[in-house]
Amino acid sequence: MKREFAGDRMVDVFARKRAWHRRRAEAPLVEKVRILLDLQRQEIPLLAAQRPLRRWERPWNITP
């Protein structure tokens, strides 16, 4: 019984994941660029805490 519940739950997780990917794929290009820049802004402090940033890793000050 518990195993069936876990299976149903996994099906639901995969369905939600597919829907999330579909929404991301259908998003306008400007929204995709905004998401990319946000993720890069989150990553830079993590990299900088570990080592000096390389020249190509320094973010540009742009907004879409």
PDB file of N, CA and C in Angstrom:
ATOM      1  N   MET A   1       0.828  -1.200   0.000  1.00  0.00           N
ATOM      2  CA  MET A   1       0.000   0.000   0.000  1.00  0.00           C
ATOM      3  C   MET A   1       0.869   1.259   0.000  1.00  0.00           C
ATOM      4  N   LYS A   2       1.855   1.273   0.843  1.00  0.00           N
ATOM      5  CA  LYS A   2       2.719   2.440   0.919  1.00  0.00           C
ATOM      6  C   LYS A   2       3.478   2.648  -0.390  1.00  0.00           C
ATOM      7  N   ARG A   3       3.859   1.556  -1.032  1.00  0.00           N
ATOM      8  CA  ARG A   3       4.586   1.635  -2.285  1.00  0.00           C
ATOM      9  C   ARG A   3       3.725   2.256  -3.388  1.00  0.00           C
ATOM     10  N   GLU A   4       2.440   1.943  -3.430  1.00  0.00           N
ATOM     11  CA  GLU A   4       1.539   2.525  -4.425  1.00  0.00           C
ATOM     12  C   GLU A   4       1.430   4.028  -4.229  1.00  0.00           C
ATOM     13  N   PHE A   5       1.355   4.468  -2.979  1.00  0.00           N
ATOM     14  CA  PHE A   5       1.267   5.890  -2.694  1.00  0.00           C
ATOM     15  C   PHE A   5       2.515   6.595  -3.188  1.00  0.00           C
ATOM     16  N   ALA A   6       3.675   6.011  -2.955  1.00  0.00           N
ATOM     17  CA  ALA A   6       4.922   6.615  -3.409  1.00  0.00           C
ATOM     18  C   ALA A   6       4.949   6.701  -4.928  1.00  0.00           C
ATOM     19  N   GLY A   7       4.448   5.678  -5.611  1.00  0.00           N
ATOM     20  CA  GLY A   7       4.402   5.689  -7.066  1.00  0.00           C
ATOM     21  C   GLY A   7       3.500   6.787  -7.596  1.00  0.00           C
ATOM     22  N   ASP A   8       2.321   6.934  -6.991  1.00  0.00           N
ATOM     23  CA  ASP A   8       1.402   8.004  -7.392  1.00  0.00           C
ATOM     24  C   ASP A   8       2.032   9.371  -7.145  1.00  0.00           C
ATOM     25  N   ARG A   9       2.733   9.469  -6.049  1.00  0.00           N
ATOM     26  CA  ARG A   9       3.371  10.746  -5.711  1.00  0.00           C
ATOM     27  C   ARG A   9       4.466  11.075  -6.722  1.00  0.00           C
ATOM     28  N   MET A  10       5.225  10.079  -7.141  1.00  0.00           N
ATOM     29  CA  MET A  10       6.279  10.305  -8.125  1.00  0.00           C
ATOM     30  C   MET A  10       5.695  10.700  -9.476  1.00  0.00           C
ATOM     31  N   VAL A  11       4.585  10.096  -9.848  1.00  0.00           N
ATOM     32  CA  VAL A  11       3.925  10.471 -11.102  1.00  0.00           C
ATOM     33  C   VAL A  11       3.531  11.938 -11.041  1.00  0.00           C
ATOM     34  N   ASP A  12       3.011  12.376  -9.907  1.00  0.00           N
ATOM     35  CA  ASP A  12       2.622  13.770  -9.719  1.00  0.00           C
ATOM     36  C   ASP A  12       3.839  14.690  -9.791  1.00  0.00           C
ATOM     37  N   VAL A  13       4.935  14.280  -9.187  1.00  0.00           N
ATOM     38  CA  VAL A  13       6.167  15.082  -9.226  1.00  0.00           C
ATOM     39  C   VAL A  13       6.643  15.237 -10.668  1.00  0.00           C
ATOM     40  N   PHE A  14       6.661  14.148 -11.414  1.00  0.00           N
ATOM     41  CA  PHE A  14       7.103  14.218 -12.801  1.00  0.00           C
ATOM     42  C   PHE A  14       6.163  15.066 -13.656  1.00  0.00           C
ATOM     43  N   ALA A  15       4.874  14.988 -13.399  1.00  0.00           N
ATOM     44  CA  ALA A  15       3.911  15.800 -14.145  1.00  0.00           C
ATOM     45  C   ALA A  15       4.128  17.283 -13.865  1.00  0.00           C
ATOM     46  N   ARG A  16       4.350  17.625 -12.595  1.00  0.00           N
ATOM     47  CA  ARG A  16       4.613  19.029 -12.259  1.00  0.00           C
ATOM     48  C   ARG A  16       5.920  19.506 -12.867  1.00  0.00           C
ATOM     49  N   LYS A  17       6.922  18.630 -12.903  1.00  0.00           N
ATOM     50  CA  LYS A  17       8.210  18.986 -13.493  1.00  0.00           C
ATOM     51  C   LYS A  17       8.049  19.236 -14.998  1.00  0.00           C
ATOM     52  N   ARG A  18       7.294  18.374 -15.692  1.00  0.00           N
ATOM     53  CA  ARG A  18       7.037  18.569 -17.120  1.00  0.00           C
ATOM     54  C   ARG A  18       6.323  19.894 -17.366  1.00  0.00           C
ATOM     55  N   ALA A  19       5.347  20.207 -16.539  1.00  0.00           N
ATOM     56  CA  ALA A  19       4.613  21.470 -16.688  1.00  0.00           C
ATOM     57  C   ALA A  19       5.535  22.660 -16.468  1.00  0.00           C
ATOM     58  N   TRP A  20       6.421  22.566 -15.475  1.00  0.00           N
ATOM     59  CA  TRP A  20       7.381  23.643 -15.200  1.00  0.00           C
ATOM     60  C   TRP A  20       8.299  23.852 -16.403  1.00  0.00           C
ATOM     61  N   HIS A  21       8.816  22.765 -16.971  1.00  0.00           N
ATOM     62  CA  HIS A  21       9.686  22.861 -18.139  1.00  0.00           C
ATOM     63  C   HIS A  21       8.937  23.437 -19.344  1.00  0.00           C
ATOM     64  N   ARG A  22       7.690  23.039 -19.504  1.00  0.00           N
ATOM     65  CA  ARG A  22       6.893  23.558 -20.614  1.00  0.00           C
ATOM     66  C   ARG A  22       6.699  25.067 -20.470  1.00  0.00           C
ATOM     67  N   ARG A  23       6.387  25.540 -19.256  1.00  0.00           N
ATOM     68  CA  ARG A  23       6.221  26.983 -19.039  1.00  0.00           C
ATOM     69  C   ARG A  23       7.520  27.728 -19.325  1.00  0.00           C
ATOM     70  N   ARG A  24       8.644  27.164 -18.892  1.00  0.00           N
ATOM     71  CA  ARG A  24       9.937  27.802 -19.154  1.00  0.00           C
ATOM     72  C   ARG A  24      10.238  27.853 -20.649  1.00  0.00           C
ATOM     73  N   ALA A  25       9.940  26.785 -21.359  1.00  0.00           N
ATOM     74  CA  ALA A  25      10.211  26.736 -22.798  1.00  0.00           C
ATOM     75  C   ALA A  25       9.329  27.719 -23.562  1.00  0.00           C
ATOM     76  N   GLU A  26       8.104  27.919 -23.091  1.00  0.00           N
ATOM     77  CA  GLU A  26       7.170  28.810 -23.776  1.00  0.00           C
ATOM     78  C   GLU A  26       7.353  30.272 -23.377  1.00  0.00           C
ATOM     79  N   ALA A  27       8.198  30.549 -22.414  1.00  0.00           N
ATOM     80  CA  ALA A  27       8.413  31.923 -21.944  1.00  0.00           C
ATOM     81  C   ALA A  27       9.061  32.757 -23.049  1.00  0.00           C
ATOM     82  N   PRO A  28       8.783  34.065 -23.067  1.00  0.00           N
ATOM     83  CA  PRO A  28       9.425  34.936 -24.055  1.00  0.00           C
ATOM     84  C   PRO A  28      10.938  34.990 -23.823  1.00  0.00           C
ATOM     85  N   LEU A  29      11.667  35.338 -24.854  1.00  0.00           N
ATOM     86  CA  LEU A  29      13.125  35.387 -24.776  1.00  0.00           C
ATOM     87  C   LEU A  29      13.607  36.340 -23.683  1.00  0.00           C
ATOM     88  N   VAL A  30      12.954  37.477 -23.531  1.00  0.00           N
ATOM     89  CA  VAL A  30      13.361  38.450 -22.512  1.00  0.00           C
ATOM     90  C   VAL A  30      13.268  37.823 -21.119  1.00  0.00           C
ATOM     91  N   GLU A  31      12.231  37.049 -20.879  1.00  0.00           N
ATOM     92  CA  GLU A  31      12.062  36.383 -19.581  1.00  0.00           C
ATOM     93  C   GLU A  31      13.155  35.335 -19.378  1.00  0.00           C
ATOM     94  N   LYS A  32      13.501  34.602 -20.430  1.00  0.00           N
ATOM     95  CA  LYS A  32      14.555  33.593 -20.329  1.00  0.00           C
ATOM     96  C   LYS A  32      15.895  34.246 -20.002  1.00  0.00           C
ATOM     97  N   VAL A  33      16.184  35.376 -20.629  1.00  0.00           N
ATOM     98  CA  VAL A  33      17.435  36.099 -20.354  1.00  0.00           C
ATOM     99  C   VAL A  33      17.425  36.613 -18.922  1.00  0.00           C
ATOM    100  N   ARG A  34      16.290  37.131 -18.457  1.00  0.00           N
ATOM    101  CA  ARG A  34      16.201  37.612 -17.079  1.00  0.00           C
ATOM    102  C   ARG A  34      16.484  36.489 -16.087  1.00  0.00           C
ATOM    103  N   ILE A  35      15.931  35.321 -16.333  1.00  0.00           N
ATOM    104  CA  ILE A  35      16.165  34.171 -15.458  1.00  0.00           C
ATOM    105  C   ILE A  35      17.641  33.795 -15.471  1.00  0.00           C
ATOM    106  N   LEU A  36      18.239  33.770 -16.666  1.00  0.00           N
ATOM    107  CA  LEU A  36      19.656  33.437 -16.783  1.00  0.00           C
ATOM    108  C   LEU A  36      20.524  34.420 -16.003  1.00  0.00           C
ATOM    109  N   LEU A  37      20.245  35.711 -16.139  1.00  0.00           N
ATOM    110  CA  LEU A  37      21.026  36.708 -15.420  1.00  0.00           C
ATOM    111  C   LEU A  37      20.843  36.590 -13.910  1.00  0.00           C
ATOM    112  N   ASP A  38      19.636  36.309 -13.464  1.00  0.00           N
ATOM    113  CA  ASP A  38      19.389  36.112 -12.033  1.00  0.00           C
ATOM    114  C   ASP A  38      20.191  34.934 -11.497  1.00  0.00           C
ATOM    115  N   LEU A  39      20.199  33.840 -12.237  1.00  0.00           N
ATOM    116  CA  LEU A  39      20.966  32.666 -11.801  1.00  0.00           C
ATOM    117  C   LEU A  39      22.461  32.962 -11.773  1.00  0.00           C
ATOM    118  N   GLN A  40      22.938  33.711 -12.757  1.00  0.00           N
ATOM    119  CA  GLN A  40      24.354  34.083 -12.761  1.00  0.00           C
ATOM    120  C   GLN A  40      24.694  34.981 -11.571  1.00  0.00           C
ATOM    121  N   ARG A  41      23.791  35.900 -11.248  1.00  0.00           N
ATOM    122  CA  ARG A  41      24.038  36.785 -10.093  1.00  0.00           C
ATOM    123  C   ARG A  41      24.076  35.998  -8.782  1.00  0.00           C
ATOM    124  N   GLN A  42      23.329  34.913  -8.713  1.00  0.00           N
ATOM    125  CA  GLN A  42      23.363  34.065  -7.524  1.00  0.00           C
ATOM    126  C   GLN A  42      24.654  33.257  -7.458  1.00  0.00           C
ATOM    127  N   GLU A  43      25.163  32.867  -8.612  1.00  0.00           N
ATOM    128  CA  GLU A  43      26.344  32.012  -8.674  1.00  0.00           C
ATOM    129  C   GLU A  43      27.640  32.771  -8.383  1.00  0.00           C
ATOM    130  N   ILE A  44      27.743  34.025  -8.800  1.00  0.00           N
ATOM    131  CA  ILE A  44      28.983  34.790  -8.679  1.00  0.00           C
ATOM    132  C   ILE A  44      29.481  34.875  -7.233  1.00  0.00           C
ATOM    133  N   PRO A  45      28.652  35.209  -6.250  1.00  0.00           N
ATOM    134  CA  PRO A  45      29.168  35.261  -4.869  1.00  0.00           C
ATOM    135  C   PRO A  45      29.665  33.899  -4.373  1.00  0.00           C
ATOM    136  N   LEU A  46      29.035  32.827  -4.818  1.00  0.00           N
ATOM    137  CA  LEU A  46      29.484  31.492  -4.414  1.00  0.00           C
ATOM    138  C   LEU A  46      30.856  31.181  -4.991  1.00  0.00           C
ATOM    139  N   LEU A  47      31.047  31.516  -6.254  1.00  0.00           N
ATOM    140  CA  LEU A  47      32.358  31.304  -6.870  1.00  0.00           C
ATOM    141  C   LEU A  47      33.416  32.197  -6.235  1.00  0.00           C
ATOM    142  N   ALA A  48      33.069  33.462  -6.022  1.00  0.00           N
ATOM    143  CA  ALA A  48      34.034  34.419  -5.460  1.00  0.00           C
ATOM    144  C   ALA A  48      34.453  34.023  -4.048  1.00  0.00           C
ATOM    145  N   ALA A  49      33.596  33.349  -3.312  1.00  0.00           N
ATOM    146  CA  ALA A  49      33.961  32.912  -1.957  1.00  0.00           C
ATOM    147  C   ALA A  49      34.968  31.766  -1.995  1.00  0.00           C
ATOM    148  N   GLN A  50      35.005  31.027  -3.091  1.00  0.00           N
ATOM    149  CA  GLN A  50      35.908  29.884  -3.198  1.00  0.00           C
ATOM    150  C   GLN A  50      37.256  30.244  -3.795  1.00  0.00           C
ATOM    151  N   ARG A  51      37.262  31.198  -4.743  1.00  0.00           N
ATOM    152  CA  ARG A  51      38.495  31.538  -5.452  1.00  0.00           C
ATOM    153  C   ARG A  51      38.306  32.863  -6.164  1.00  0.00           C
ATOM    154  N   PRO A  52      39.403  33.473  -6.605  1.00  0.00           N
ATOM    155  CA  PRO A  52      39.253  34.716  -7.388  1.00  0.00           C
ATOM    156  C   PRO A  52      38.522  34.432  -8.702  1.00  0.00           C
ATOM    157  N   LEU A  53      37.673  35.365  -9.093  1.00  0.00           N
ATOM    158  CA  LEU A  53      36.927  35.198 -10.338  1.00  0.00           C
ATOM    159  C   LEU A  53      37.848  35.374 -11.536  1.00  0.00           C
ATOM    160  N   ARG A  54      37.629  34.563 -12.536  1.00  0.00           N
ATOM    161  CA  ARG A  54      38.362  34.717 -13.791  1.00  0.00           C
ATOM    162  C   ARG A  54      37.748  35.872 -14.571  1.00  0.00           C
ATOM    163  N   ARG A  55      38.484  36.372 -15.539  1.00  0.00           N
ATOM    164  CA  ARG A  55      38.047  37.558 -16.268  1.00  0.00           C
ATOM    165  C   ARG A  55      36.658  37.367 -16.885  1.00  0.00           C
ATOM    166  N   TRP A  56      36.388  36.208 -17.469  1.00  0.00           N
ATOM    167  CA  TRP A  56      35.108  35.978 -18.135  1.00  0.00           C
ATOM    168  C   TRP A  56      33.981  35.665 -17.151  1.00  0.00           C
ATOM    169  N   GLU A  57      34.296  35.502 -15.881  1.00  0.00           N
ATOM    170  CA  GLU A  57      33.259  35.213 -14.881  1.00  0.00           C
ATOM    171  C   GLU A  57      32.729  36.465 -14.211  1.00  0.00           C
ATOM    172  N   ARG A  58      33.360  37.574 -14.446  1.00  0.00           N
ATOM    173  CA  ARG A  58      32.879  38.822 -13.837  1.00  0.00           C
ATOM    174  C   ARG A  58      31.611  39.276 -14.557  1.00  0.00           C
ATOM    175  N   PRO A  59      30.544  39.514 -13.820  1.00  0.00           N
ATOM    176  CA  PRO A  59      29.257  39.824 -14.460  1.00  0.00           C
ATOM    177  C   PRO A  59      29.243  41.244 -15.049  1.00  0.00           C
ATOM    178  N   TRP A  60      28.495  41.385 -16.129  1.00  0.00           N
ATOM    179  CA  TRP A  60      28.261  42.697 -16.700  1.00  0.00           C
ATOM    180  C   TRP A  60      27.070  43.317 -15.969  1.00  0.00           C
ATOM    181  N   ASN A  61      27.082  44.609 -15.846  1.00  0.00           N
ATOM    182  CA  ASN A  61      25.994  45.319 -15.196  1.00  0.00           C
ATOM    183  C   ASN A  61      24.925  45.643 -16.243  1.00  0.00           C
ATOM    184  N   ILE A  62      24.100  44.660 -16.562  1.00  0.00           N
ATOM    185  CA  ILE A  62      23.046  44.858 -17.556  1.00  0.00           C
ATOM    186  C   ILE A  62      21.715  44.380 -16.975  1.00  0.00           C
ATOM    187  N   THR A  63      20.640  44.927 -17.519  1.00  0.00           N
ATOM    188  CA  THR A  63      19.295  44.450 -17.169  1.00  0.00           C
ATOM    189  C   THR A  63      18.525  44.282 -18.469  1.00  0.00           C
ATOM    190  N   PRO A  64      17.808  43.193 -18.602  1.00  0.00           N
ATOM    191  CA  PRO A  64      17.062  42.976 -19.860  1.00  0.00           C
ATOM    192  C   PRO A  64      15.846  43.891 -19.969  1.00  0.00           C
TER     193      PRO A  64
END
